[in-house]
């Protein structure tokens, strides 16, 4: 057989293999391509044309807007008009190209007519985008991510299947307090949001809560709202942590929490923040994991450092109670400052059940790594089985 003939047989076999794949695998292959190239496959054959028009997940991100002309809005609308079958996921992420309010509204109306399960909206307009009410007709939604927009939740609105809700730089339109009924919600993320405390969320399955730079919750919320007592995994940053104690005294809560892990990002050291962290720990009898992603702005003023050392030295009983069940501690972006070293020393000295401490050094601070590790290993450990793992890389993100 000629070389050309061998190539033809190989090409036919490859074509047959791809065409014989299950339809969901073929869809997945197209979804891994930039949408520009996935659309071009529609000219290959009638089968590929039908495959493109039935793609269940549509992603219009920075790569899409990079490769299209100024008629991006018209192209997206045309794709939606020609689409057949369910649109399970629609993700519109525009970092550079501005889309008009009316255009996005039309897109949402088109998408709402399908059985959509995952919806992402993030637009870089100068003014916040106002979410259309048609979104609240999407009863099949399981994941909703909204960024840089204004949301007005209808009172007693239900998303019966929503499992994950992410709000970033979202402003709540709040003529009055509203109730949002989310019976299946498991994960709630709030980041740089305004007025979210005007929304009362009703959910019996919420286990993951992340609140970053959002002044939405206080210790009083834990006392009166039953959803906070079910959370197993809580992530806060320094500013939200400080806000916790603004309403209720940051010592003891009226209830026990179900927390299993606590993550604190960007912890700006102060006695107030440490007191709030200890309050959460002491009221969480099931908590076994503590993650401090980064200690920021430490050793800048002698006063704050001395004040912290003085408080912790006098609160040894509270510290021991707070850390008595902790088994794993991770400290990220570690710089080796005096305050950070002291915190590690305190944690090791009061964690009687500790099995592993992971210290991940900030990448720019490698010069003293051997010296830091040597000092860490000299610290007294309340748990004889505690191991210290010192890493020079930190790939975590909050």
Foldseek 3Di string as FASTA:
>chain_A
DDPVVVVVVVVVVVVVVLVPDPLVVNLVVLVVDDVVVLCVQLVVDVVSVLSQLANQADACEPVNVVPDDLVSLVVLVVSLVSHDAANQYYAHAAQDRADDLVSVVVVLLSNLVGQYAYYHDHGDDPAAHEDDPSVLSNLNHQEYAYERHEYEDDAPRENARHAYYHYECYEYDPPAQGEYEYANYAEYEYYNYPPPLSYHYDYDRHAYYEHENYLREALVCVQPPVVQQRHAEYEYEQVNLLSRCPPPHLAEHPAAHQYQEYEYEAHAQAPSSVSNLLHNLLRHPNHAEYEYAEHPDPPPDPVRLVVVVVVCVVCLVSLLSSQARHAEYEYHQDQLDPSVLVVLLSNQDRRQNYQEYEYEHRQVRPPCQVVSVVVSVPRHGNHPNYDYHYHPDDPDDD
